[in-house]
Protein backbone atom coordinates (compact mmCIF):
# COMPACT_ATOMS: atom_id res chain seq x y z
CA UNK A 1 18.55 1.94 -23.96
CA UNK A 2 15.16 2.75 -22.44
CA UNK A 3 13.60 0.29 -19.99
CA UNK A 4 10.11 0.56 -18.47
CA UNK A 5 8.69 -1.23 -15.42
CA UNK A 6 5.26 -1.16 -13.79
CA UNK A 7 3.83 -2.19 -10.41
CA UNK A 8 0.27 -2.34 -9.05
CA UNK A 9 -1.01 -0.31 -6.16
CA UNK A 10 -2.63 -1.92 -3.11
CA UNK A 11 -5.45 -1.94 -0.60
CA UNK A 12 -5.65 -4.15 2.50
CA UNK A 13 -9.12 -5.56 3.14
CA UNK A 14 -8.49 -7.58 6.32
CA UNK A 15 -5.88 -8.04 9.06
CA UNK A 16 -4.54 -4.49 9.00
CA UNK A 17 -1.75 -4.18 11.59
CA UNK A 18 -2.28 -7.84 12.58
CA UNK A 19 -0.63 -9.01 9.36
CA UNK A 20 2.65 -7.84 10.93
CA UNK A 21 2.26 -10.54 13.58
CA UNK A 22 1.32 -13.42 11.28
CA UNK A 23 -2.40 -12.98 10.69
CA UNK A 24 -3.69 -13.88 7.23
CA UNK A 25 -4.86 -10.89 5.19
CA UNK A 26 -6.91 -10.37 2.07
CA UNK A 27 -5.00 -7.87 -0.05
CA UNK A 28 -6.33 -6.25 -3.21
CA UNK A 29 -4.08 -5.12 -6.08
CA UNK A 30 -5.48 -2.01 -7.74
CA UNK A 31 -5.93 -0.95 -11.35
CA UNK A 32 -3.81 2.07 -10.41
CA UNK A 33 -0.04 1.87 -10.07
CA UNK A 34 3.29 3.42 -10.98
CA UNK A 35 5.70 3.30 -13.94
CA UNK A 36 9.48 3.52 -13.74
CA UNK A 37 11.42 4.46 -16.87
CA UNK A 38 15.21 4.09 -17.05
CA UNK A 39 17.49 5.67 -19.64
CA UNK A 40 21.25 6.10 -19.87
CA UNK A 41 22.69 9.19 -18.20
CA UNK A 42 26.09 10.69 -17.46
CA UNK A 43 28.44 12.18 -14.87
CA UNK A 44 27.98 9.33 -12.37
CA UNK A 45 24.62 10.86 -11.49
CA UNK A 46 20.96 9.87 -11.45
CA UNK A 47 18.74 12.63 -12.84
CA UNK A 48 15.37 11.86 -11.24
CA UNK A 49 11.93 13.24 -12.08
CA UNK A 50 8.62 12.07 -10.59
CA UNK A 51 5.22 12.83 -12.12
CA UNK A 52 1.86 12.72 -10.39
CA UNK A 53 -1.14 11.33 -12.28
CA UNK A 54 -2.06 14.81 -13.52
CA UNK A 55 1.37 15.15 -15.22
CA UNK A 56 2.62 17.64 -12.63
CA UNK A 57 6.17 17.16 -11.36
CA UNK A 58 6.16 16.47 -7.61
CA UNK A 59 9.86 15.72 -7.25
CA UNK A 60 12.95 16.51 -9.34
CA UNK A 61 16.62 16.37 -8.39
CA UNK A 62 20.03 14.93 -9.21
CA UNK A 63 21.58 12.24 -7.01
CA UNK A 64 25.27 11.41 -7.34
CA UNK A 65 26.50 7.84 -7.31
CA UNK A 66 28.84 8.82 -4.49
CA UNK A 67 26.00 9.99 -2.25
CA UNK A 68 24.21 6.68 -2.85
CA UNK A 69 27.27 4.59 -2.04
CA UNK A 70 28.12 6.62 1.07
CA UNK A 71 24.45 7.18 2.02
CA UNK A 72 25.09 10.91 2.25
CA UNK A 73 21.89 12.79 2.96
CA UNK A 74 21.17 16.21 1.49
CA UNK A 75 20.03 17.96 4.68
CA UNK A 76 16.92 17.77 6.83
CA UNK A 77 14.80 19.74 4.34
CA UNK A 78 15.40 17.24 1.53
CA UNK A 79 13.16 14.49 2.85
CA UNK A 80 12.15 12.91 -0.45
CA UNK A 81 15.69 12.99 -1.82
CA UNK A 82 17.05 11.44 1.36
CA UNK A 83 14.46 8.67 1.21
CA UNK A 84 15.51 7.93 -2.37
CA UNK A 85 19.16 7.87 -1.33
CA UNK A 86 18.29 5.36 1.41
CA UNK A 87 16.41 3.09 -1.01
CA UNK A 88 19.10 3.27 -3.69
CA UNK A 89 21.85 2.70 -1.11
CA UNK A 90 20.17 -0.54 -0.03
CA UNK A 91 19.59 -1.49 -3.66
CA UNK A 92 23.29 -0.97 -4.33
CA UNK A 93 24.17 -3.32 -1.48
CA UNK A 94 21.94 -5.99 -3.07
CA UNK A 95 23.31 -5.34 -6.59
CA UNK A 96 26.45 -3.14 -6.77
CA UNK A 97 26.70 -3.61 -10.53
CA UNK A 98 24.01 -1.05 -11.18
CA UNK A 99 26.39 1.73 -10.20
CA UNK A 100 29.67 0.04 -11.10
CA UNK A 101 28.64 -0.62 -14.69
CA UNK A 102 26.97 2.69 -15.56
CA UNK A 103 27.92 6.26 -16.47
CA UNK A 104 24.67 7.59 -15.09
CA UNK A 105 20.90 7.26 -15.34
CA UNK A 106 17.91 9.37 -16.26
CA UNK A 107 14.94 8.05 -14.29
CA UNK A 108 11.30 9.01 -14.59
CA UNK A 109 8.45 7.75 -12.40
CA UNK A 110 4.79 8.26 -13.28
CA UNK A 111 1.85 7.55 -11.00
CA UNK A 112 -1.56 6.62 -12.42
CA UNK A 113 -3.25 7.70 -9.16
CA UNK A 114 -2.93 10.89 -7.08
CA UNK A 115 0.05 10.28 -4.82
CA UNK A 116 -1.86 11.33 -1.68
CA UNK A 117 -4.34 8.49 -2.14
CA UNK A 118 -2.12 6.07 -0.26
CA UNK A 119 -2.29 3.29 -2.85
CA UNK A 120 1.44 2.57 -2.65
CA UNK A 121 3.68 5.32 -4.01
CA UNK A 122 6.60 3.83 -2.04
CA UNK A 123 5.85 0.12 -2.50
CA UNK A 124 5.35 0.43 -6.26
CA UNK A 125 8.63 2.34 -6.48
CA UNK A 126 10.50 -0.30 -4.48
CA UNK A 127 9.06 -3.13 -6.57
CA UNK A 128 9.92 -1.30 -9.80
CA UNK A 129 13.50 -0.72 -8.65
CA UNK A 130 13.73 -4.39 -7.67
CA UNK A 131 12.51 -5.45 -11.12
CA UNK A 132 15.03 -3.14 -12.79
CA UNK A 133 17.98 -4.39 -10.74
CA UNK A 134 16.82 -8.01 -10.52
CA UNK A 135 16.86 -8.03 -6.72
CA UNK A 136 14.43 -9.25 -4.06
CA UNK A 137 11.76 -6.57 -3.53
CA UNK A 138 10.91 -7.90 -0.07
CA UNK A 139 14.55 -7.58 1.03
CA UNK A 140 14.71 -4.05 -0.37
CA UNK A 141 11.51 -3.12 1.48
CA UNK A 142 12.78 -4.57 4.75
CA UNK A 143 16.10 -2.72 4.43
CA UNK A 144 14.41 0.62 3.67
CA UNK A 145 10.82 1.10 4.87
CA UNK A 146 10.02 -2.13 6.68
CA UNK A 147 6.46 -3.43 7.01
CA UNK A 148 4.68 -6.70 6.33
CA UNK A 149 5.35 -6.76 2.58
CA UNK A 150 1.72 -7.25 1.53
CA UNK A 151 2.05 -4.15 -0.63
CA UNK A 152 4.96 -5.73 -2.51
CA UNK A 153 2.86 -8.84 -3.08
CA UNK A 154 0.09 -6.67 -4.52
CA UNK A 155 2.62 -4.91 -6.75
CA UNK A 156 3.52 -8.30 -8.21
CA UNK A 157 0.08 -9.92 -8.55
CA UNK A 158 -2.88 -9.18 -10.80
CA UNK A 159 -5.56 -10.84 -8.66
CA UNK A 160 -6.63 -10.53 -5.03
CA UNK A 161 -4.37 -12.51 -2.72
CA UNK A 162 -4.17 -14.11 0.69
CA UNK A 163 -1.02 -12.88 2.41
CA UNK A 164 0.71 -13.83 5.64
CA UNK A 165 4.15 -13.98 7.21
CA UNK A 166 5.36 -17.39 8.34
CA UNK A 167 7.23 -18.08 11.58
CA UNK A 168 10.46 -16.86 9.95
CA UNK A 169 8.74 -13.65 8.73
CA UNK A 170 8.90 -14.88 5.13
CA UNK A 171 5.96 -13.93 2.89
CA UNK A 172 3.40 -16.57 1.93
CA UNK A 173 1.24 -15.46 -0.99
CA UNK A 174 -1.77 -17.33 -2.41
CA UNK A 175 -3.82 -16.13 -5.37
CA UNK A 176 -7.46 -15.67 -4.35
CA UNK A 177 -10.51 -16.00 -6.57
CA UNK A 178 -12.38 -13.12 -4.94
CA UNK A 179 -15.17 -11.87 -7.17
CA UNK A 180 -18.45 -12.13 -5.25
CA UNK A 181 -21.74 -11.28 -6.87
CA UNK A 182 -22.11 -8.20 -4.68
CA UNK A 183 -19.07 -6.23 -5.86
CA UNK A 184 -21.58 -3.76 -7.34
CA UNK A 185 -22.44 -2.84 -3.73
CA UNK A 186 -18.84 -2.04 -2.79
CA UNK A 187 -17.34 1.44 -3.00
CA UNK A 188 -14.00 2.93 -1.97
CA UNK A 189 -14.22 6.35 -0.31
CA UNK A 190 -11.17 8.59 0.07
CA UNK A 191 -10.96 10.34 3.44
CA UNK A 192 -8.84 13.27 2.20
CA UNK A 193 -6.18 12.45 4.76
CA UNK A 194 -2.83 10.77 4.10
CA UNK A 195 -2.03 8.46 6.99
CA UNK A 196 1.59 7.62 7.74
CA UNK A 197 2.05 3.85 7.74
CA UNK A 198 5.17 4.10 9.88
CA UNK A 199 3.49 6.15 12.63
CA UNK A 200 0.36 3.98 12.49
CA UNK A 201 2.42 0.81 12.92
CA UNK A 202 4.33 2.36 15.83
CA UNK A 203 1.04 3.27 17.49
CA UNK A 204 -0.17 -0.31 17.01
CA UNK A 205 2.87 -1.76 18.73
CA UNK A 206 2.51 0.70 21.58
CA UNK A 207 -1.09 -0.35 22.18
CA UNK A 208 -1.26 -4.00 21.19
CA UNK A 209 -2.46 -6.53 23.72
CA UNK A 210 -3.84 -10.08 23.59
CA UNK A 211 -2.42 -10.39 20.06
CA UNK A 212 -1.91 -14.15 20.27
CA UNK A 213 -5.57 -14.69 21.07
CA UNK A 214 -6.75 -12.22 18.44
CA UNK A 215 -4.89 -13.65 15.45
CA UNK A 216 -7.05 -16.81 15.16
CA UNK A 217 -10.18 -14.63 15.30
CA UNK A 218 -8.92 -12.40 12.49
CA UNK A 219 -7.85 -15.45 10.48
CA UNK A 220 -11.35 -16.93 10.84
CA UNK A 221 -12.93 -13.70 9.60
CA UNK A 222 -10.52 -13.53 6.65
CA UNK A 223 -11.34 -17.12 5.68
CA UNK A 224 -15.08 -16.47 5.89
CA UNK A 225 -14.87 -13.24 3.89
CA UNK A 226 -12.86 -14.97 1.17
CA UNK A 227 -15.53 -17.66 0.86
CA UNK A 228 -18.79 -15.78 1.17
CA UNK A 229 -21.05 -14.80 -1.69
CA UNK A 230 -23.70 -13.28 0.57
CA UNK A 231 -23.77 -9.49 0.97
CA UNK A 232 -25.33 -9.53 4.43
CA UNK A 233 -22.81 -12.04 5.77
CA UNK A 234 -19.97 -10.06 4.18
CA UNK A 235 -21.11 -6.91 5.96
CA UNK A 236 -21.51 -8.70 9.28
CA UNK A 237 -17.98 -10.08 9.02
CA UNK A 238 -16.56 -6.63 8.24
CA UNK A 239 -18.34 -5.17 11.27
CA UNK A 240 -16.95 -7.93 13.49
CA UNK A 241 -13.47 -7.21 12.15
CA UNK A 242 -13.83 -3.47 12.87
CA UNK A 243 -14.90 -4.16 16.45
CA UNK A 244 -11.93 -6.44 17.10
CA UNK A 245 -9.41 -3.94 15.71
CA UNK A 246 -11.10 -1.06 17.52
CA UNK A 247 -10.54 -2.94 20.79
CA UNK A 248 -6.88 -3.64 20.00
CA UNK A 249 -6.07 -0.12 18.78
CA UNK A 250 -8.24 1.59 21.39
CA UNK A 251 -9.67 3.76 18.62
CA UNK A 252 -13.15 4.54 17.36
CA UNK A 253 -14.18 2.82 14.17
CA UNK A 254 -14.36 5.01 11.08
CA UNK A 255 -18.15 4.81 11.17
CA UNK A 256 -18.28 5.98 14.80
CA UNK A 257 -15.84 8.79 14.08
CA UNK A 258 -17.14 10.22 10.81
CA UNK A 259 -20.26 8.48 9.49
CA UNK A 260 -22.48 7.39 12.41
CA UNK A 261 -25.65 7.88 10.35
CA UNK A 262 -24.51 5.91 7.27
CA UNK A 263 -27.06 3.28 6.25
CA UNK A 264 -24.52 0.61 5.44
CA UNK A 265 -21.22 -0.93 6.50
CA UNK A 266 -17.86 0.85 6.64
CA UNK A 267 -14.47 -0.86 6.89
CA UNK A 268 -11.10 0.82 7.40
CA UNK A 269 -8.41 -0.26 4.94
CA UNK A 270 -4.78 -0.25 6.05
CA UNK A 271 -3.80 2.47 8.53
CA UNK A 272 -6.87 3.60 10.48
CA UNK A 273 -7.92 7.20 10.07
CA UNK A 274 -6.57 7.88 6.60
CA UNK A 275 -6.60 7.03 2.92
CA UNK A 276 -9.53 4.87 1.76
CA UNK A 277 -12.38 3.08 3.49
CA UNK A 278 -14.67 0.45 2.02
CA UNK A 279 -18.38 1.26 1.97
CA UNK A 280 -20.91 -1.56 1.62
CA UNK A 281 -24.27 -0.20 0.54
CA UNK A 282 -27.42 -1.56 -1.10
CA UNK A 283 -27.80 1.78 -2.89
CA UNK A 284 -25.22 4.05 -4.52
CA UNK A 285 -23.84 6.11 -1.59
CA UNK A 286 -22.20 8.90 -3.63
CA UNK A 287 -24.67 11.59 -2.59
CA UNK A 288 -24.26 10.77 1.11
CA UNK A 289 -20.46 10.98 1.06
CA UNK A 290 -20.36 14.06 -1.15
CA UNK A 291 -22.73 15.82 1.25
CA UNK A 292 -20.29 14.92 4.04
CA UNK A 293 -17.41 16.49 2.11
CA UNK A 294 -15.86 13.33 0.66
CA UNK A 295 -16.22 13.57 -3.12
CA UNK A 296 -13.91 10.72 -4.19
CA UNK A 297 -16.02 7.54 -4.36
CA UNK A 298 -14.74 4.75 -6.60
CA UNK A 299 -16.76 1.59 -7.38
CA UNK A 300 -15.03 -1.72 -6.72
CA UNK A 301 -14.95 -2.60 -10.41
CA UNK A 302 -13.02 0.60 -11.22
CA UNK A 303 -10.47 0.15 -8.42
CA UNK A 304 -9.57 -3.53 -8.08
CA UNK A 305 -7.88 -5.81 -10.60
């Protein structure tokens, strides 16, 4: 019997990195995501095939039930397969019936966005697997990749959200009515560089300082951004956020690094230095970014649910 699951992609508007330490973030589920299709298989094996959004196959392999149970990796060159084995091993711990009660599976994943965009290839997969096996997606994330879990919340929600971790590191998710009049002035620009979340988080922890005093400042900015309907105030708040994070990370802002002459506001989203940035502009900025060598510019209305 065929089963199909779907999860939304994600972008993080505020509190990048700081969300790991309890700051409140605005997170934006995207119109792009990933499908997971399950069919019966055989030979105590999972036959896995992953498609990119252009229908090309970016991963294909067979994974035995035994290798999942024993967490047997396939060698250092098989990075993607080993990551899948890790995820499925943890899923099996949370629900052993999925291997005990099956002869095998044929699994197909299909992205609706280019996988290098950084919109959540891993988080959408984890949430889809959790839906399939009826397990807690946050627990599966923590046991495999780690992270704050905001991406799982985006996978599960069809509106912008406020997201934070409580004192016990449990997720607190609140639906957010975020649809200001100026969304026509917001554009997402792809930087042509896939940033590793794991390495970015490690760098953050190596450099963080004065975190306890910074969290209330980030929370105040998040609250103000969620409430404003004024484009100028929105831009001012984003600039203030960039300056605070630049101080913590000891890194240049994306505008200082790449776009010093841009006549508008630029805000990093998620891991600094990669994936997408948010551009706030009174006029359509496509020509500017294309001239700079960044041809992927997506209006807010085409990106965000």
